[in-house]
Amino acid sequence: MEDDAQQMMMEMQQTQQKLQEVAAQKEETQDELDGISKSLEELEKDEDGEVYQEVGNILVAKDRDQLQDDLEDRKEDLEARNERLGSKEEELREKLQEAQSQITQSMGQ
């Protein structure tokens, strides 16, 4: 019985670690999404003038329409990733709650 409790505790700790990793990935994804949204807003505000894209440590002139298309594509990809990460996060939270209740039950017996 004690081995079962230890095994459950280890699994719960692994789930907590995975949950933290997913939350960090989700935050990074959201930060990038926010940056892209701001870039798209700026492109719409000023429809004239040259635009540049950062490539490594330099800025490269880019066609406005192409840059906007690239940013919109990237935004769609990130939104889909963010949804998947949200689902994974919810799944891990449920798994964690389930593990906690199993541990509580096993301790009570």
N, C-alpha and C. Protein backbone atom coordinates (compact mmCIF):
# COMPACT_ATOMS: atom_id res chain seq x y z
N MET A 1 0.82 -1.19 0.00
CA MET A 1 0.00 0.00 0.00
C MET A 1 0.87 1.26 0.00
N GLU A 2 1.96 1.21 0.80
CA GLU A 2 2.85 2.35 0.87
C GLU A 2 3.54 2.59 -0.47
N ASP A 3 3.88 1.50 -1.16
CA ASP A 3 4.51 1.62 -2.49
C ASP A 3 3.55 2.27 -3.48
N ASP A 4 2.28 1.92 -3.38
CA ASP A 4 1.27 2.53 -4.25
C ASP A 4 1.19 4.03 -4.02
N ALA A 5 1.23 4.43 -2.75
CA ALA A 5 1.15 5.85 -2.42
C ALA A 5 2.38 6.59 -2.95
N GLN A 6 3.55 5.97 -2.82
CA GLN A 6 4.77 6.58 -3.34
C GLN A 6 4.71 6.71 -4.86
N GLN A 7 4.20 5.68 -5.50
CA GLN A 7 4.07 5.71 -6.96
C GLN A 7 3.11 6.82 -7.39
N MET A 8 2.01 6.94 -6.68
CA MET A 8 1.04 7.99 -7.00
C MET A 8 1.64 9.38 -6.77
N MET A 9 2.43 9.53 -5.72
CA MET A 9 3.08 10.81 -5.45
C MET A 9 4.06 11.16 -6.57
N MET A 10 4.82 10.18 -7.03
CA MET A 10 5.77 10.42 -8.12
C MET A 10 5.04 10.82 -9.39
N GLU A 11 3.95 10.13 -9.69
CA GLU A 11 3.16 10.46 -10.87
C GLU A 11 2.57 11.86 -10.75
N MET A 12 2.13 12.21 -9.54
CA MET A 12 1.57 13.53 -9.33
C MET A 12 2.64 14.60 -9.54
N GLN A 13 3.84 14.36 -9.05
CA GLN A 13 4.93 15.32 -9.23
C GLN A 13 5.29 15.47 -10.72
N GLN A 14 5.28 14.36 -11.44
CA GLN A 14 5.56 14.41 -12.89
C GLN A 14 4.47 15.22 -13.60
N THR A 15 3.24 15.01 -13.20
CA THR A 15 2.13 15.75 -13.80
C THR A 15 2.26 17.24 -13.50
N GLN A 16 2.64 17.57 -12.27
CA GLN A 16 2.85 18.98 -11.91
C GLN A 16 3.95 19.61 -12.77
N GLN A 17 5.01 18.85 -12.99
CA GLN A 17 6.12 19.36 -13.81
C GLN A 17 5.66 19.58 -15.26
N LYS A 18 4.93 18.62 -15.79
CA LYS A 18 4.41 18.77 -17.15
C LYS A 18 3.47 19.98 -17.25
N LEU A 19 2.66 20.15 -16.23
CA LEU A 19 1.73 21.28 -16.19
C LEU A 19 2.49 22.60 -16.20
N GLN A 20 3.57 22.69 -15.45
CA GLN A 20 4.40 23.89 -15.43
C GLN A 20 5.03 24.14 -16.80
N GLU A 21 5.50 23.08 -17.45
CA GLU A 21 6.10 23.21 -18.77
C GLU A 21 5.08 23.70 -19.80
N VAL A 22 3.90 23.13 -19.75
CA VAL A 22 2.84 23.54 -20.69
C VAL A 22 2.44 24.99 -20.43
N ALA A 23 2.34 25.37 -19.16
CA ALA A 23 1.98 26.75 -18.83
C ALA A 23 3.04 27.72 -19.34
N ALA A 24 4.31 27.35 -19.23
CA ALA A 24 5.40 28.20 -19.73
C ALA A 24 5.34 28.32 -21.26
N GLN A 25 5.09 27.20 -21.93
CA GLN A 25 4.96 27.22 -23.40
C GLN A 25 3.78 28.08 -23.82
N LYS A 26 2.69 27.96 -23.09
CA LYS A 26 1.50 28.74 -23.40
C LYS A 26 1.77 30.23 -23.23
N GLU A 27 2.49 30.59 -22.18
CA GLU A 27 2.82 31.99 -21.95
C GLU A 27 3.73 32.53 -23.06
N GLU A 28 4.72 31.74 -23.47
CA GLU A 28 5.61 32.16 -24.56
C GLU A 28 4.81 32.35 -25.86
N THR A 29 3.91 31.42 -26.11
CA THR A 29 3.08 31.50 -27.31
C THR A 29 2.20 32.75 -27.27
N GLN A 30 1.62 33.03 -26.12
CA GLN A 30 0.76 34.21 -25.98
C GLN A 30 1.57 35.49 -26.15
N ASP A 31 2.79 35.51 -25.62
CA ASP A 31 3.65 36.69 -25.78
C ASP A 31 3.95 36.95 -27.26
N GLU A 32 4.27 35.88 -27.99
CA GLU A 32 4.55 36.03 -29.41
C GLU A 32 3.30 36.47 -30.17
N LEU A 33 2.15 35.91 -29.79
CA LEU A 33 0.88 36.31 -30.40
C LEU A 33 0.61 37.79 -30.19
N ASP A 34 0.85 38.26 -28.97
CA ASP A 34 0.64 39.68 -28.67
C ASP A 34 1.54 40.56 -29.54
N GLY A 35 2.80 40.15 -29.70
CA GLY A 35 3.74 40.90 -30.53
C GLY A 35 3.30 40.96 -31.98
N ILE A 36 2.82 39.84 -32.49
CA ILE A 36 2.37 39.79 -33.88
C ILE A 36 1.12 40.66 -34.06
N SER A 37 0.22 40.61 -33.09
CA SER A 37 -0.99 41.43 -33.18
C SER A 37 -0.64 42.91 -33.22
N LYS A 38 0.31 43.31 -32.39
CA LYS A 38 0.75 44.71 -32.39
C LYS A 38 1.39 45.08 -33.72
N SER A 39 2.19 44.19 -34.27
CA SER A 39 2.82 44.44 -35.57
C SER A 39 1.78 44.60 -36.67
N LEU A 40 0.76 43.74 -36.65
CA LEU A 40 -0.31 43.85 -37.64
C LEU A 40 -1.07 45.15 -37.50
N GLU A 41 -1.32 45.58 -36.26
CA GLU A 41 -2.00 46.85 -36.03
C GLU A 41 -1.19 48.01 -36.61
N GLU A 42 0.12 47.97 -36.39
CA GLU A 42 0.98 49.04 -36.90
C GLU A 42 1.01 49.05 -38.43
N LEU A 43 0.99 47.87 -39.03
CA LEU A 43 0.97 47.79 -40.49
C LEU A 43 -0.31 48.40 -41.04
N GLU A 44 -1.42 48.22 -40.34
CA GLU A 44 -2.70 48.76 -40.80
C GLU A 44 -2.79 50.27 -40.59
N LYS A 45 -2.16 50.78 -39.53
CA LYS A 45 -2.18 52.21 -39.26
C LYS A 45 -1.48 53.00 -40.35
N ASP A 46 -0.30 52.55 -40.71
CA ASP A 46 0.54 53.28 -41.67
C ASP A 46 0.66 52.43 -42.93
N GLU A 47 -0.15 52.74 -43.92
CA GLU A 47 -0.15 51.92 -45.12
C GLU A 47 0.89 52.35 -46.14
N ASP A 48 1.60 53.43 -45.85
CA ASP A 48 2.65 53.90 -46.74
C ASP A 48 4.00 53.68 -46.06
N GLY A 49 5.03 53.81 -46.83
CA GLY A 49 6.36 53.68 -46.25
C GLY A 49 6.88 52.26 -46.33
N GLU A 50 8.17 52.18 -46.15
CA GLU A 50 8.81 50.87 -46.20
C GLU A 50 8.62 50.13 -44.89
N VAL A 51 8.64 48.81 -44.99
CA VAL A 51 8.57 47.98 -43.80
C VAL A 51 9.78 47.07 -43.77
N TYR A 52 10.16 46.71 -42.58
CA TYR A 52 11.33 45.87 -42.39
C TYR A 52 10.98 44.71 -41.47
N GLN A 53 11.70 43.61 -41.70
CA GLN A 53 11.53 42.44 -40.85
C GLN A 53 12.88 42.10 -40.24
N GLU A 54 12.85 41.78 -38.98
CA GLU A 54 14.08 41.40 -38.29
C GLU A 54 14.47 39.99 -38.70
N VAL A 55 15.70 39.86 -39.17
CA VAL A 55 16.25 38.55 -39.52
C VAL A 55 17.57 38.44 -38.77
N GLY A 56 17.57 37.65 -37.73
CA GLY A 56 18.75 37.59 -36.87
C GLY A 56 18.94 38.93 -36.19
N ASN A 57 20.12 39.52 -36.42
CA ASN A 57 20.42 40.80 -35.79
C ASN A 57 20.30 41.98 -36.74
N ILE A 58 19.73 41.75 -37.92
CA ILE A 58 19.61 42.83 -38.89
C ILE A 58 18.15 43.00 -39.32
N LEU A 59 17.86 44.19 -39.86
CA LEU A 59 16.54 44.45 -40.43
C LEU A 59 16.65 44.38 -41.94
N VAL A 60 15.69 43.71 -42.55
CA VAL A 60 15.68 43.53 -44.00
C VAL A 60 14.40 44.13 -44.55
N ALA A 61 14.52 44.94 -45.62
CA ALA A 61 13.32 45.51 -46.27
C ALA A 61 12.46 44.36 -46.78
N LYS A 62 11.16 44.53 -46.62
CA LYS A 62 10.24 43.46 -47.02
C LYS A 62 9.01 44.08 -47.66
N ASP A 63 8.42 43.37 -48.59
CA ASP A 63 7.17 43.80 -49.21
C ASP A 63 6.08 43.82 -48.14
N ARG A 64 5.35 44.93 -48.03
CA ARG A 64 4.34 45.11 -46.99
C ARG A 64 3.29 43.99 -47.03
N ASP A 65 2.75 43.70 -48.20
CA ASP A 65 1.70 42.68 -48.30
C ASP A 65 2.23 41.30 -47.91
N GLN A 66 3.45 41.01 -48.34
CA GLN A 66 4.05 39.71 -48.01
C GLN A 66 4.28 39.59 -46.51
N LEU A 67 4.77 40.68 -45.90
CA LEU A 67 5.00 40.66 -44.46
C LEU A 67 3.68 40.48 -43.72
N GLN A 68 2.65 41.18 -44.15
CA GLN A 68 1.35 41.05 -43.51
C GLN A 68 0.82 39.63 -43.64
N ASP A 69 0.95 39.04 -44.83
CA ASP A 69 0.51 37.65 -45.02
C ASP A 69 1.30 36.70 -44.12
N ASP A 70 2.62 36.91 -44.06
CA ASP A 70 3.46 36.06 -43.20
C ASP A 70 3.04 36.16 -41.74
N LEU A 71 2.80 37.39 -41.29
CA LEU A 71 2.40 37.60 -39.90
C LEU A 71 1.03 36.98 -39.60
N GLU A 72 0.11 37.12 -40.54
CA GLU A 72 -1.23 36.53 -40.34
C GLU A 72 -1.15 35.00 -40.30
N ASP A 73 -0.31 34.42 -41.18
CA ASP A 73 -0.12 32.96 -41.15
C ASP A 73 0.47 32.51 -39.81
N ARG A 74 1.48 33.24 -39.36
CA ARG A 74 2.13 32.90 -38.09
C ARG A 74 1.13 33.04 -36.93
N LYS A 75 0.31 34.07 -37.01
CA LYS A 75 -0.70 34.30 -35.96
C LYS A 75 -1.68 33.12 -35.91
N GLU A 76 -2.13 32.66 -37.07
CA GLU A 76 -3.04 31.51 -37.11
C GLU A 76 -2.39 30.27 -36.49
N ASP A 77 -1.12 30.04 -36.86
CA ASP A 77 -0.39 28.89 -36.30
C ASP A 77 -0.30 28.99 -34.78
N LEU A 78 0.03 30.18 -34.30
CA LEU A 78 0.17 30.37 -32.85
C LEU A 78 -1.16 30.25 -32.12
N GLU A 79 -2.23 30.72 -32.74
CA GLU A 79 -3.55 30.59 -32.11
C GLU A 79 -3.92 29.11 -31.99
N ALA A 80 -3.64 28.32 -33.02
CA ALA A 80 -3.92 26.89 -32.97
C ALA A 80 -3.06 26.22 -31.88
N ARG A 81 -1.80 26.61 -31.82
CA ARG A 81 -0.90 26.06 -30.79
C ARG A 81 -1.40 26.43 -29.40
N ASN A 82 -1.84 27.67 -29.25
CA ASN A 82 -2.33 28.13 -27.97
C ASN A 82 -3.56 27.32 -27.53
N GLU A 83 -4.43 27.01 -28.48
CA GLU A 83 -5.61 26.19 -28.18
C GLU A 83 -5.20 24.79 -27.73
N ARG A 84 -4.25 24.20 -28.47
CA ARG A 84 -3.78 22.85 -28.10
C ARG A 84 -3.15 22.86 -26.71
N LEU A 85 -2.35 23.88 -26.44
CA LEU A 85 -1.72 23.97 -25.13
C LEU A 85 -2.76 24.17 -24.03
N GLY A 86 -3.79 24.95 -24.31
CA GLY A 86 -4.87 25.14 -23.34
C GLY A 86 -5.58 23.84 -23.03
N SER A 87 -5.83 23.05 -24.07
CA SER A 87 -6.47 21.74 -23.87
C SER A 87 -5.57 20.82 -23.06
N LYS A 88 -4.29 20.82 -23.40
CA LYS A 88 -3.33 19.98 -22.67
C LYS A 88 -3.24 20.42 -21.21
N GLU A 89 -3.24 21.73 -20.99
CA GLU A 89 -3.18 22.27 -19.64
C GLU A 89 -4.39 21.81 -18.82
N GLU A 90 -5.56 21.90 -19.42
CA GLU A 90 -6.79 21.48 -18.74
C GLU A 90 -6.75 19.97 -18.44
N GLU A 91 -6.29 19.20 -19.40
CA GLU A 91 -6.17 17.75 -19.22
C GLU A 91 -5.23 17.42 -18.05
N LEU A 92 -4.09 18.13 -17.98
CA LEU A 92 -3.14 17.88 -16.90
C LEU A 92 -3.70 18.32 -15.56
N ARG A 93 -4.45 19.41 -15.54
CA ARG A 93 -5.07 19.87 -14.28
C ARG A 93 -6.05 18.81 -13.76
N GLU A 94 -6.84 18.25 -14.66
CA GLU A 94 -7.80 17.21 -14.27
C GLU A 94 -7.07 15.98 -13.75
N LYS A 95 -5.99 15.62 -14.45
CA LYS A 95 -5.20 14.46 -14.03
C LYS A 95 -4.59 14.69 -12.66
N LEU A 96 -4.14 15.92 -12.42
CA LEU A 96 -3.55 16.27 -11.14
C LEU A 96 -4.60 16.20 -10.02
N GLN A 97 -5.77 16.72 -10.28
CA GLN A 97 -6.85 16.66 -9.27
C GLN A 97 -7.23 15.21 -8.97
N GLU A 98 -7.27 14.41 -10.02
CA GLU A 98 -7.61 13.00 -9.84
C GLU A 98 -6.55 12.31 -8.98
N ALA A 99 -5.28 12.58 -9.27
CA ALA A 99 -4.20 11.99 -8.49
C ALA A 99 -4.25 12.44 -7.03
N GLN A 100 -4.55 13.71 -6.82
CA GLN A 100 -4.65 14.22 -5.45
C GLN A 100 -5.77 13.53 -4.68
N SER A 101 -6.90 13.34 -5.34
CA SER A 101 -8.02 12.69 -4.65
C SER A 101 -7.70 11.21 -4.39
N GLN A 102 -6.98 10.55 -5.30
CA GLN A 102 -6.59 9.15 -5.08
C GLN A 102 -5.63 9.04 -3.89
N ILE A 103 -4.70 9.97 -3.81
CA ILE A 103 -3.75 9.96 -2.70
C ILE A 103 -4.48 10.19 -1.38
N THR A 104 -5.39 11.14 -1.40
CA THR A 104 -6.18 11.45 -0.19
C THR A 104 -6.97 10.21 0.23
N GLN A 105 -7.57 9.52 -0.73
CA GLN A 105 -8.34 8.32 -0.42
C GLN A 105 -7.44 7.20 0.13
N SER A 106 -6.28 7.04 -0.47
CA SER A 106 -5.38 5.97 -0.03
C SER A 106 -4.82 6.26 1.35
N MET A 107 -4.64 7.52 1.69
CA MET A 107 -4.14 7.90 3.02
C MET A 107 -5.21 7.67 4.07
N GLY A 108 -6.46 7.84 3.67
CA GLY A 108 -7.57 7.69 4.61
C GLY A 108 -7.89 6.24 4.93
N GLN A 109 -7.41 5.33 4.11
CA GLN A 109 -7.73 3.91 4.33
C GLN A 109 -6.83 3.26 5.32
